[in-house]
Protein backbone atom coordinates (compact mmCIF):
# COMPACT_ATOMS: atom_id res chain seq x y z
CA MET A 1 179.93 142.11 122.47
CA SER A 2 178.77 142.80 118.91
CA GLU A 3 179.91 139.36 117.79
CA ILE A 4 177.94 137.66 120.57
CA ALA A 5 174.86 139.76 119.78
CA GLU A 6 175.06 138.74 116.12
CA LYS A 7 175.28 135.06 117.09
CA LYS A 8 172.28 135.46 119.34
CA GLN A 9 170.31 137.14 116.57
CA ASP A 10 171.22 134.33 114.15
CA VAL A 11 170.03 131.71 116.60
CA GLU A 12 166.74 133.56 117.16
CA ILE A 13 166.16 133.71 113.38
CA VAL A 14 166.91 129.96 112.98
CA THR A 15 164.64 129.11 115.94
CA THR A 16 161.77 131.21 114.58
CA THR A 17 162.15 129.72 111.09
CA ALA A 18 162.25 126.13 112.42
CA ALA A 19 159.23 126.71 114.66
CA THR A 20 157.25 128.26 111.77
CA ALA A 21 158.13 125.41 109.40
CA SER A 22 157.25 122.83 112.06
CA SER A 23 153.90 124.53 112.70
CA ILE A 24 153.02 124.60 108.99
CA GLN A 25 154.02 120.94 108.61
CA GLN A 26 151.86 119.88 111.58
CA GLN A 27 148.86 121.79 110.24
CA GLU A 28 149.19 120.10 106.86
CA GLU A 29 149.48 116.66 108.48
CA HIS A 30 146.44 117.23 110.69
CA GLN A 31 144.27 118.54 107.84
CA GLU A 32 145.09 115.74 105.39
CA ARG A 33 142.86 112.67 105.42
CA ARG A 34 143.78 110.68 102.38
CA ILE A 35 144.73 107.16 101.46
CA SER A 36 147.74 106.80 99.22
CA VAL A 37 148.24 103.59 97.26
CA ASP A 38 151.59 102.24 96.19
CA SER A 39 150.77 100.67 92.84
CA ASN A 40 153.87 98.50 92.88
CA GLU A 41 153.26 96.78 96.22
CA ASN A 42 149.52 97.47 96.64
CA VAL A 43 150.13 98.89 100.11
CA VAL A 44 147.54 101.23 101.55
CA SER A 45 149.04 103.67 104.04
CA VAL A 46 146.76 105.52 106.40
CA PRO A 47 148.16 108.71 107.94
CA ALA A 48 147.84 109.50 111.63
CA THR A 49 144.40 110.64 112.69
CA GLY A 50 143.89 114.18 113.90
CA LYS A 51 141.27 115.43 116.36
CA ARG A 52 137.99 113.55 116.20
CA SER A 53 135.09 115.32 114.56
CA GLY A 54 131.99 115.68 116.66
CA LYS A 55 129.72 115.35 113.66
CA LEU A 56 127.77 112.12 113.41
CA LYS A 57 127.83 112.25 109.61
CA GLN A 58 131.61 112.33 109.52
CA HIS A 59 131.76 109.51 112.05
CA PHE A 60 129.63 107.19 109.91
CA LYS A 61 131.51 108.22 106.79
CA GLU A 62 134.79 107.16 108.38
CA ILE A 63 133.34 103.83 109.58
CA PHE A 64 131.38 102.68 106.56
CA GLY A 65 133.79 104.22 104.08
CA SER A 66 136.50 101.88 105.36
CA ILE A 67 134.54 98.65 104.76
CA TYR A 68 135.91 98.33 101.26
CA VAL A 69 138.50 100.47 99.51
CA LYS A 70 138.90 99.38 95.89
CA PRO A 71 142.50 98.19 95.45
CA GLU A 72 144.61 99.22 92.47
CA GLY A 73 146.63 96.85 90.37
CA LYS A 74 146.90 93.09 90.76
CA PRO A 75 147.21 91.26 94.08
CA PRO A 76 150.84 90.85 95.19
CA ASN A 77 152.68 87.58 94.72
CA MET A 78 152.45 85.49 97.88
CA TRP A 79 155.79 83.77 97.34
CA LYS A 80 157.53 87.12 96.82
CA VAL A 81 156.08 88.43 100.09
CA LEU A 82 156.94 85.20 101.91
CA THR A 83 160.60 85.35 100.89
CA MET A 84 161.21 89.08 101.34
CA LEU A 85 162.23 88.86 105.02
CA ASN A 86 165.83 89.13 106.17
CA ASN A 87 167.41 86.71 108.68
CA LYS A 88 166.67 88.93 111.69
CA GLN A 89 163.00 89.20 110.74
CA ARG A 90 162.71 85.44 110.12
CA LEU A 91 164.25 84.64 113.50
CA THR A 92 162.01 87.07 115.35
CA PHE A 93 158.87 85.79 113.67
CA THR A 94 159.82 82.14 114.23
CA ALA A 95 160.33 82.75 117.95
CA ALA A 96 156.94 84.46 118.27
CA PHE A 97 155.19 81.76 116.21
CA LEU A 98 156.63 78.86 118.20
CA GLY A 99 155.63 80.47 121.47
CA TRP A 100 152.03 80.85 120.33
CA LEU A 101 152.03 77.28 118.96
CA CYS A 102 153.17 75.88 122.31
CA ASP A 103 150.61 78.06 124.08
CA ALA A 104 147.78 76.70 121.91
CA TYR A 105 149.01 73.11 122.30
CA ASP A 106 148.92 73.39 126.08
CA PHE A 107 145.44 74.90 126.04
CA PHE A 108 143.90 72.27 123.74
CA CYS A 109 145.27 69.41 125.79
CA VAL A 110 142.27 69.90 128.09
CA SER A 111 139.55 70.00 125.42
CA LEU A 112 140.94 66.98 123.56
CA ALA A 113 141.41 64.89 126.69
CA ALA A 114 138.26 66.14 128.48
CA THR A 115 136.40 62.83 128.13
CA TYR A 116 139.33 60.80 129.52
CA ILE A 117 140.10 63.28 132.30
CA ALA A 118 136.42 63.10 133.35
CA GLU A 119 136.58 59.29 133.48
CA ASP A 120 139.81 59.37 135.50
CA PHE A 121 138.42 61.83 138.07
CA GLY A 122 134.91 60.30 138.06
CA VAL A 123 133.05 63.45 136.95
CA GLU A 124 131.04 64.72 133.96
CA VAL A 125 132.73 66.34 130.96
CA SER A 126 131.08 69.65 131.88
CA ALA A 127 133.00 69.59 135.20
CA VAL A 128 136.30 69.20 133.34
CA THR A 129 135.44 71.99 130.89
CA SER A 130 135.25 74.29 133.91
CA ALA A 131 139.07 74.11 133.78
CA ILE A 132 138.87 75.65 130.28
CA THR A 133 136.57 78.34 131.66
CA THR A 134 138.97 79.08 134.51
CA THR A 135 141.95 79.32 132.15
CA LEU A 136 140.13 81.70 129.83
CA MET A 137 138.90 83.91 132.66
CA LEU A 138 142.37 84.47 134.14
CA ARG A 139 144.21 85.10 130.86
CA SER A 140 143.32 88.80 131.04
CA ILE A 141 145.39 89.15 134.24
CA GLY A 142 148.42 87.76 132.43
CA ALA A 143 147.80 90.06 129.46
CA LEU A 144 147.74 93.07 131.79
CA ILE A 145 150.87 92.13 133.74
CA PHE A 146 153.05 91.04 130.82
CA GLY A 147 151.63 93.70 128.47
CA MET A 148 152.49 96.54 130.85
CA ALA A 149 155.96 95.05 131.33
CA ALA A 150 156.46 94.83 127.56
CA ASP A 151 155.55 98.49 126.98
CA ARG A 152 157.64 99.61 129.95
CA TRP A 153 160.80 97.47 129.63
CA GLY A 154 160.59 95.80 126.20
CA ARG A 155 159.06 92.74 124.52
CA ARG A 156 161.94 90.29 124.71
CA TRP A 157 162.43 89.41 128.40
CA PRO A 158 158.74 89.35 129.39
CA LEU A 159 158.21 86.83 126.58
CA MET A 160 161.11 84.70 127.85
CA ILE A 161 159.75 84.66 131.40
CA ASP A 162 156.23 83.96 130.18
CA ILE A 163 156.97 80.88 128.10
CA VAL A 164 159.11 79.32 130.84
CA LEU A 165 156.37 79.92 133.42
CA PHE A 166 153.48 78.43 131.49
CA SER A 167 155.60 75.41 130.52
CA ILE A 168 156.36 74.64 134.18
CA ILE A 169 152.70 74.96 135.16
CA ASN A 170 151.64 72.79 132.24
CA MET A 171 153.97 70.00 133.30
CA ALA A 172 152.61 70.23 136.84
CA SER A 173 149.07 69.80 135.46
CA GLY A 174 150.04 66.29 134.42
CA PHE A 175 150.66 65.38 138.07
CA ALA A 176 147.30 66.67 139.42
CA PRO A 177 145.81 64.03 141.80
CA ASN A 178 142.22 65.31 141.57
CA LEU A 179 139.98 67.73 139.70
CA GLN A 180 140.29 70.55 142.23
CA THR A 181 144.10 70.58 141.97
CA PHE A 182 143.89 70.32 138.20
CA ILE A 183 141.58 73.35 137.96
CA GLY A 184 143.83 75.32 140.33
CA LEU A 185 146.88 74.64 138.16
CA ARG A 186 144.98 75.58 135.01
CA ALA A 187 144.05 78.87 136.68
CA VAL A 188 147.74 79.73 137.15
CA PHE A 189 148.42 78.50 133.62
CA GLY A 190 145.78 80.95 132.36
CA ILE A 191 147.70 83.90 133.83
CA ALA A 192 150.90 82.80 132.11
CA MET A 193 149.10 82.01 128.85
CA GLY A 194 147.49 85.45 128.78
CA GLY A 195 150.81 87.20 128.21
CA GLU A 196 151.95 85.23 125.16
CA TRP A 197 149.70 86.27 122.27
CA GLY A 198 149.85 90.05 122.59
CA LEU A 199 153.59 90.25 123.18
CA GLY A 200 154.39 87.77 120.42
CA ALA A 201 152.14 89.55 117.91
CA SER A 202 153.59 92.99 118.64
CA LEU A 203 157.20 91.74 118.52
CA ALA A 204 156.61 89.87 115.24
CA LEU A 205 154.57 92.49 113.37
CA GLU A 206 156.70 95.46 114.48
CA SER A 207 159.76 93.76 112.97
CA LEU A 208 158.16 93.01 109.57
CA PRO A 209 157.76 95.21 106.46
CA VAL A 210 154.24 96.55 105.89
CA GLU A 211 153.88 94.54 102.66
CA ALA A 212 154.24 91.29 104.62
CA ARG A 213 152.01 92.20 107.56
CA GLY A 214 148.80 90.53 106.36
CA LEU A 215 150.44 87.26 105.35
CA PHE A 216 152.47 86.85 108.51
CA SER A 217 149.53 87.99 110.64
CA GLY A 218 147.68 84.98 109.27
CA ILE A 219 150.64 82.61 109.71
CA TYR A 220 151.26 83.82 113.26
CA GLN A 221 147.62 83.38 114.27
CA GLU A 222 147.57 79.88 112.82
CA GLY A 223 150.18 78.89 115.33
CA TYR A 224 146.94 78.39 117.29
CA ALA A 225 145.62 75.85 114.76
CA ALA A 226 149.07 74.27 114.42
CA GLY A 227 149.19 73.84 118.19
CA TYR A 228 145.73 72.27 118.08
CA LEU A 229 146.90 69.94 115.31
CA LEU A 230 150.00 68.94 117.29
CA ALA A 231 147.86 68.32 120.39
CA THR A 232 145.51 66.18 118.29
CA LEU A 233 148.34 63.98 117.04
CA VAL A 234 149.86 63.56 120.51
CA ASN A 235 146.40 62.76 121.93
CA TYR A 236 145.93 60.10 119.23
CA ALA A 237 149.28 58.53 120.07
CA VAL A 238 148.33 58.49 123.73
CA GLN A 239 144.94 56.88 123.11
CA ILE A 240 145.97 54.14 120.67
CA THR A 241 148.75 53.08 123.04
CA ASN A 242 146.33 53.12 126.02
CA SER A 243 148.61 55.58 127.79
CA SER A 244 147.62 58.17 130.34
CA TRP A 245 146.23 61.55 129.28
CA ARG A 246 148.87 63.08 131.58
CA ILE A 247 151.59 62.46 128.98
CA MET A 248 150.07 65.18 126.79
CA PHE A 249 150.80 67.84 129.41
CA TRP A 250 154.34 66.60 130.04
CA ALA A 251 155.12 66.62 126.31
CA GLY A 252 154.04 70.27 126.03
CA SER A 253 156.84 71.41 128.29
CA VAL A 254 159.38 69.66 126.08
CA PHE A 255 158.07 71.43 122.95
CA ALA A 256 158.49 74.82 124.64
CA LEU A 257 162.25 74.32 125.09
CA LEU A 258 162.87 75.03 121.39
CA ALA A 259 161.04 78.37 121.59
CA VAL A 260 163.01 79.29 124.73
CA ALA A 261 166.33 78.57 122.98
CA ILE A 262 165.45 80.70 119.94
CA ARG A 263 164.24 83.64 122.02
CA PHE A 264 167.66 84.03 123.63
CA VAL A 265 169.00 85.43 120.33
CA VAL A 266 165.97 87.49 119.27
CA PRO A 267 166.64 91.27 119.22
CA GLU A 268 164.37 93.87 120.81
CA SER A 269 161.65 95.56 118.74
CA GLU A 270 162.87 98.66 116.88
CA ALA A 271 159.51 100.37 117.39
CA PHE A 272 159.80 99.92 121.16
CA GLU A 273 163.36 101.25 121.18
CA LYS A 274 162.23 104.34 119.26
CA THR A 275 159.37 104.80 121.72
CA GLN A 276 161.80 104.71 124.65
CA GLU A 277 164.05 107.19 122.87
CA ALA A 278 161.09 109.49 122.23
CA ARG A 279 160.02 109.41 125.88
CA LYS A 280 163.51 110.37 126.95
CA ILE A 281 163.79 113.28 124.48
CA MET A 282 160.31 114.57 125.32
CA SER A 283 160.74 114.00 129.08
CA ARG A 284 157.54 111.92 128.90
CA SER A 285 156.75 109.44 131.65
CA PHE A 286 155.21 106.02 131.02
CA PHE A 287 152.26 106.89 133.25
CA LYS A 288 151.53 110.07 131.33
CA ASP A 289 151.29 107.96 128.19
CA ILE A 290 148.74 105.78 129.99
CA TRP A 291 146.65 108.85 130.81
CA ILE A 292 146.82 110.08 127.19
CA MET A 293 145.72 106.65 125.96
CA ILE A 294 142.74 106.55 128.31
CA LYS A 295 141.73 110.14 127.53
CA SER A 296 142.03 109.84 123.75
CA HIS A 297 141.13 106.21 123.04
CA TYR A 298 138.79 104.88 125.71
CA LEU A 299 135.99 104.30 123.18
CA ARG A 300 138.34 102.47 120.83
CA VAL A 301 139.59 100.28 123.68
CA ILE A 302 136.01 99.35 124.63
CA TYR A 303 135.26 98.53 121.00
CA MET A 304 138.35 96.32 120.75
CA VAL A 305 137.25 94.33 123.81
CA ILE A 306 133.71 93.83 122.44
CA LEU A 307 135.12 92.80 119.05
CA MET A 308 137.42 90.25 120.65
CA ALA A 309 134.61 88.87 122.81
CA PHE A 310 132.70 87.93 119.64
CA PHE A 311 135.89 86.62 118.03
CA ASN A 312 136.55 84.35 121.01
CA PHE A 313 132.97 83.09 121.00
CA PHE A 314 133.58 82.48 117.28
CA SER A 315 136.60 80.22 117.81
CA HIS A 316 135.91 78.55 121.16
CA GLY A 317 132.28 77.95 120.23
CA SER A 318 133.36 75.98 117.16
CA GLN A 319 136.35 74.10 118.63
CA ASP A 320 136.35 73.38 122.34
CA LEU A 321 133.41 70.98 122.52
CA TYR A 322 133.63 69.62 118.97
CA PRO A 323 135.92 66.64 119.80
CA SER A 324 133.49 65.53 122.53
CA PHE A 325 130.61 66.00 120.07
CA LEU A 326 132.31 63.66 117.59
CA LEU A 327 133.02 61.01 120.22
CA LYS A 328 129.89 61.08 122.37
CA GLN A 329 127.10 62.17 120.00
CA LEU A 330 128.23 60.93 116.59
CA GLY A 331 129.93 57.87 118.09
CA TYR A 332 133.22 58.28 116.22
CA SER A 333 136.14 56.09 117.14
CA THR A 334 139.34 57.70 118.40
CA THR A 335 140.88 57.29 114.94
CA GLN A 336 137.90 58.89 113.17
CA GLN A 337 137.85 61.79 115.63
CA THR A 338 141.58 62.34 115.19
CA VAL A 339 141.39 62.28 111.37
CA THR A 340 138.51 64.76 111.45
CA SER A 341 140.42 67.05 113.80
CA VAL A 342 143.47 66.93 111.52
CA ILE A 343 141.32 67.78 108.49
CA TYR A 344 139.65 70.82 110.01
CA ASN A 345 142.90 72.09 111.51
CA ILE A 346 144.52 71.93 108.07
CA GLY A 347 141.55 73.97 106.85
CA ALA A 348 142.14 76.46 109.67
CA ILE A 349 145.83 76.88 108.79
CA CYS A 350 145.03 77.36 105.10
CA GLY A 351 142.23 79.85 105.85
CA GLY A 352 144.21 81.99 108.26
CA THR A 353 147.20 82.21 105.93
CA ILE A 354 145.29 82.92 102.71
CA ILE A 355 142.71 85.36 104.07
CA GLY A 356 145.29 87.11 106.25
CA PHE A 357 147.44 87.60 103.14
CA TYR A 358 144.62 89.04 101.01
CA SER A 359 143.43 91.31 103.81
CA ASN A 360 146.48 93.46 103.01
CA TYR A 361 145.02 93.92 99.52
CA PHE A 362 141.22 93.92 99.94
CA GLY A 363 141.01 95.24 103.51
CA ARG A 364 140.74 93.89 107.04
CA LYS A 365 137.03 94.49 107.62
CA ILE A 366 135.71 93.13 104.33
CA SER A 367 137.81 89.97 104.75
CA ILE A 368 136.33 89.28 108.19
CA MET A 369 132.79 90.04 107.00
CA VAL A 370 133.05 87.53 104.15
CA CYS A 371 134.27 84.89 106.60
CA CYS A 372 131.28 85.46 108.90
CA VAL A 373 128.84 84.91 106.02
CA PHE A 374 130.48 81.65 104.93
CA VAL A 375 130.67 80.29 108.48
CA GLY A 376 126.93 80.78 108.86
CA ALA A 377 126.32 79.03 105.53
CA PHE A 378 128.32 75.90 106.45
CA ILE A 379 126.97 75.30 109.97
CA PRO A 380 124.41 72.66 108.85
CA LEU A 381 127.02 70.57 107.04
CA TRP A 382 129.46 70.97 109.95
CA ILE A 383 126.95 69.44 112.43
CA TYR A 384 124.35 67.51 110.43
CA GLY A 385 126.33 66.07 107.52
CA PRO A 386 124.74 62.77 106.44
CA ASN A 387 128.01 60.82 106.62
CA ILE A 388 131.52 61.13 107.99
CA GLN A 389 132.94 62.50 104.73
CA SER A 390 130.42 65.34 104.59
CA VAL A 391 131.02 66.21 108.26
CA GLN A 392 134.76 66.30 107.62
CA PHE A 393 134.29 68.54 104.57
CA GLY A 394 131.93 70.81 106.50
CA SER A 395 134.37 71.09 109.40
CA PHE A 396 137.24 71.85 106.98
CA VAL A 397 135.36 74.71 105.31
CA LEU A 398 133.93 76.11 108.54
CA GLN A 399 137.34 76.24 110.22
CA PHE A 400 138.86 77.67 107.01
CA PHE A 401 136.63 80.71 107.47
CA VAL A 402 136.65 80.83 111.29
CA GLN A 403 140.43 80.93 111.36
CA GLY A 404 140.46 82.93 108.14
CA ALA A 405 138.80 85.75 110.04
CA TRP A 406 141.20 85.19 112.93
CA GLY A 407 144.17 85.45 110.56
CA VAL A 408 143.36 89.14 110.13
CA VAL A 409 143.19 89.83 113.88
CA PRO A 410 146.88 90.27 114.86
CA ALA A 411 147.42 92.91 112.14
CA HIS A 412 144.03 94.58 112.70
CA LEU A 413 144.41 94.90 116.48
CA ASN A 414 147.99 96.14 116.32
CA GLU A 415 146.93 98.79 113.80
CA LEU A 416 144.01 99.90 115.99
CA ALA A 417 146.06 99.91 119.20
CA PRO A 418 147.32 103.24 120.67
CA PRO A 419 150.92 103.71 119.44
CA ALA A 420 152.72 103.54 122.79
CA PHE A 421 150.81 100.41 123.93
CA ARG A 422 151.02 97.82 121.17
CA GLY A 423 152.46 95.39 123.73
CA LEU A 424 149.53 95.86 126.09
CA MET A 425 146.33 96.67 124.22
CA PRO A 426 146.06 93.96 121.53
CA GLY A 427 146.72 91.22 124.09
CA LEU A 428 144.56 92.80 126.79
CA ALA A 429 141.63 93.32 124.41
CA TYR A 430 142.03 89.74 123.22
CA GLN A 431 142.09 88.31 126.74
CA LEU A 432 139.28 90.51 128.10
CA GLY A 433 137.26 89.21 125.16
CA ASN A 434 138.26 85.74 126.32
CA LEU A 435 137.02 86.62 129.79
CA VAL A 436 133.61 87.53 128.38
CA SER A 437 133.47 84.33 126.32
CA ALA A 438 135.14 82.09 128.90
CA ALA A 439 132.09 79.99 129.69
CA SER A 440 131.16 79.20 126.07
CA SER A 441 132.26 75.54 126.10
CA GLN A 442 130.82 74.95 129.57
CA ILE A 443 127.51 76.53 128.56
CA GLN A 444 127.35 74.35 125.45
CA ALA A 445 128.23 71.20 127.38
CA THR A 446 125.73 71.89 130.17
CA ILE A 447 122.85 72.64 127.81
CA GLY A 448 123.69 69.61 125.66
CA GLU A 449 123.67 67.35 128.73
CA ARG A 450 120.45 68.85 130.07
CA TYR A 451 118.64 68.28 126.77
CA PRO A 452 119.92 64.89 125.53
CA LEU A 453 119.02 63.19 122.26
CA LYS A 454 115.59 61.56 122.07
CA ASN A 455 113.86 59.04 119.83
CA ASP A 456 110.82 59.97 117.77
CA ASP A 457 108.55 58.64 120.54
CA GLY A 458 110.18 60.97 123.09
CA SER A 459 112.23 58.30 124.85
CA LEU A 460 115.89 58.97 125.57
CA ILE A 461 118.54 57.54 123.27
CA LEU A 462 120.94 55.36 125.24
CA ARG A 463 124.47 54.32 124.30
CA GLU A 464 126.28 51.86 126.58
CA GLY A 465 123.56 52.51 129.15
CA LYS A 466 124.11 56.31 129.16
CA VAL A 467 122.09 59.13 127.67
CA VAL A 468 123.62 60.91 124.66
CA PRO A 469 123.95 64.70 125.10
CA ASP A 470 122.80 66.86 122.18
CA TYR A 471 125.96 68.90 121.70
CA GLY A 472 125.28 69.37 117.98
CA LEU A 473 122.14 71.49 118.17
CA THR A 474 123.64 73.65 120.92
CA GLN A 475 126.76 74.34 118.86
CA ALA A 476 124.77 75.06 115.69
CA ILE A 477 122.51 77.67 117.33
CA PHE A 478 125.43 79.18 119.22
CA MET A 479 127.60 79.62 116.12
CA GLY A 480 124.75 81.05 114.05
CA VAL A 481 124.10 83.78 116.61
CA VAL A 482 127.80 84.56 117.09
CA SER A 483 128.46 84.81 113.35
CA GLY A 484 125.70 87.41 113.00
CA CYS A 485 126.89 89.43 116.00
CA LEU A 486 130.51 89.45 114.81
CA LEU A 487 129.40 90.58 111.35
CA ILE A 488 127.60 93.57 112.84
CA CYS A 489 130.46 94.41 115.21
CA ILE A 490 133.17 94.44 112.54
CA THR A 491 130.95 96.50 110.23
CA VAL A 492 130.68 99.43 112.65
CA GLY A 493 134.37 99.48 113.57
CA LYS A 494 137.28 101.40 112.05
CA GLU A 495 140.19 100.18 110.00
CA GLU A 496 143.75 101.52 109.79
CA ARG A 497 145.18 99.03 107.35
CA ASN A 498 148.95 99.05 106.82
CA LYS A 499 149.66 101.81 109.32
CA ASP A 500 153.37 102.64 109.58
CA PHE A 501 154.33 101.73 113.16
CA LEU A 502 157.49 103.85 113.09
CA ALA A 503 155.35 106.86 112.15
CA ASN A 504 153.16 106.12 115.17
CA ILE A 505 155.35 105.55 118.23
CA LEU A 506 153.80 108.05 120.68
CA GLU A 507 150.99 110.59 120.88
CA ASP A 508 150.85 114.24 121.90
CA ASP A 509 148.46 115.56 124.55
CA ASP A 510 145.64 115.76 121.97
CA GLY A 511 146.02 112.15 120.85
CA ASN A 512 147.80 112.98 117.58
CA ALA A 513 150.46 110.52 116.44
CA ILE A 514 154.17 111.26 116.77
CA GLY A 515 156.61 109.39 114.53
CA VAL A 516 160.36 108.97 114.19
CA GLU A 517 160.64 112.07 111.96
CA ASP A 518 158.78 114.16 114.53
CA ILE A 519 161.23 113.01 117.20
CA GLU A 520 164.13 114.12 115.00
CA ASN A 521 162.48 117.55 114.79
CA TYR A 522 162.14 117.61 118.58
CA ARG A 523 165.82 116.71 118.86
CA LEU A 524 166.77 119.48 116.40
CA GLU A 525 164.66 122.08 118.18
CA ALA A 526 166.08 121.01 121.54
CA GLY A 527 169.61 121.42 120.14
CA ILE A 528 168.83 124.94 118.83
CA ASN A 529 167.31 125.95 122.15
CA GLU A 530 170.35 124.66 124.01
CA LYS A 531 172.60 126.68 121.68
CA ALA A 532 170.50 129.81 122.20
CA GLU A 533 170.64 129.35 125.97
CA HIS A 534 174.41 128.93 125.78
CA VAL A 535 174.81 132.18 123.77
CA GLU A 536 172.49 134.02 126.16
CA HIS A 537 174.48 132.74 129.14
CA ALA A 538 177.74 133.88 127.50
CA ASP A 539 176.22 137.32 126.82
CA GLN A 540 175.09 137.65 130.43
CA LYS A 541 178.50 136.56 131.68
CA SER A 542 180.21 139.18 129.48
CA GLN A 543 177.91 141.90 130.75
CA ASP A 544 178.63 140.91 134.34
CA GLN A 545 182.36 141.08 133.72
CA GLN A 546 182.08 144.53 132.15
CA SER A 547 179.98 145.84 135.04
CA LYS A 548 182.62 144.66 137.46
């Protein structure tokens, strides 16, 4: 009896000590709001946020104080960061990148071939661009379905299913007999396409070291520009050989086979596996996590959607109608239009990679803000350059900064996303933003066709017996307004640069982050409690035996 009592007392002392230490540690974590800088790697780590202050002054201090944090030391070496990945990380990133490249290729097939599709179906270009609008509008459904699946069952298999599905639909688009069927297929394609970006970004960035996050965020996002570039080259081959535009859609399905093969050997995200483990230890249901996210982060989620709406206006407003502008308004040949497209897509790839990389050092928000300013400055040269060389230079620089800002987005959104929903929220915010901006190319095309180019005497300018739509002025005004709106939106938002994902895998009922170390403490406490219950049960059993 005395020996059992002593054991029980020892357990109670250990339990009390552990609980006290845990309480003190949590208080210290919740009170600290500091940014620590690793001078060797120039990595800024932002600790988990505690309860939100209700004071307006503190709110503005947090927002505007994060616009620019002066970095210490010299910028990191890009080559060193590029080569620091292990084989598992390289494989995972490559699989995510190729999926996004194929996704972008399939999407841009429509915008590049819009003029030829319109001729084949006997309609205006604006009618064909409604297929782009339909695709963009339905992408949010795919982001919701595949994002929820990724946070519930893992990133790997939803991504496999997604890329196979949108490849099949894309091939079927090449067999569409009329515009109505074509638009219907693109609608289904939009659902499949909506799941790719968010899942690929979360899988890739969760597997990478923090030091490499900015660089590979930019490279991953420029899978979009690389897909556009690939679509441009295939479109050129189709046009100079007088082949059908349908070949572009069939070729896209072939490209996707490589991504499918690689994804069979990609491992699951460690952050997701830790999240699943934490839910099991804490007896936390997936649906309770959804409620905690809504309760604690509904304002942040709304902000992310608004931010991505402006970002999608930013990219689609500068890209979707531009090939038709070059062909129909400036009168470029197919070769000139293709060369120009190649030039500005190279600019996009360079911009996304370089600015994404330096956003790890200078900050996410300030990098995007600088890009907005330069885009506004180069709009005149992009549209009204006096010759083809100046237009090509203007398009190169403008897309350098458009996609430069976009290169920051995968890292920025994953850092802002609630910890348990990095598969869902970045992609859903992105695609809901797409939903808001879905009609951008159709609006531009319709306005340009309604207000065609005129001579100085007011008469319409005709080319081959047809009026020439003024796509240029529409795009210039549109991009100027969007650049200003995006600048304001990013200024008032928050930044959580270089957040440690493994230190933010779940949240408690108050919205405070729970990391891997916290889960180990939960496991330890649960083990102590089980031991105490076992001793108490043995004590009770002994007493029962003595009473008998």
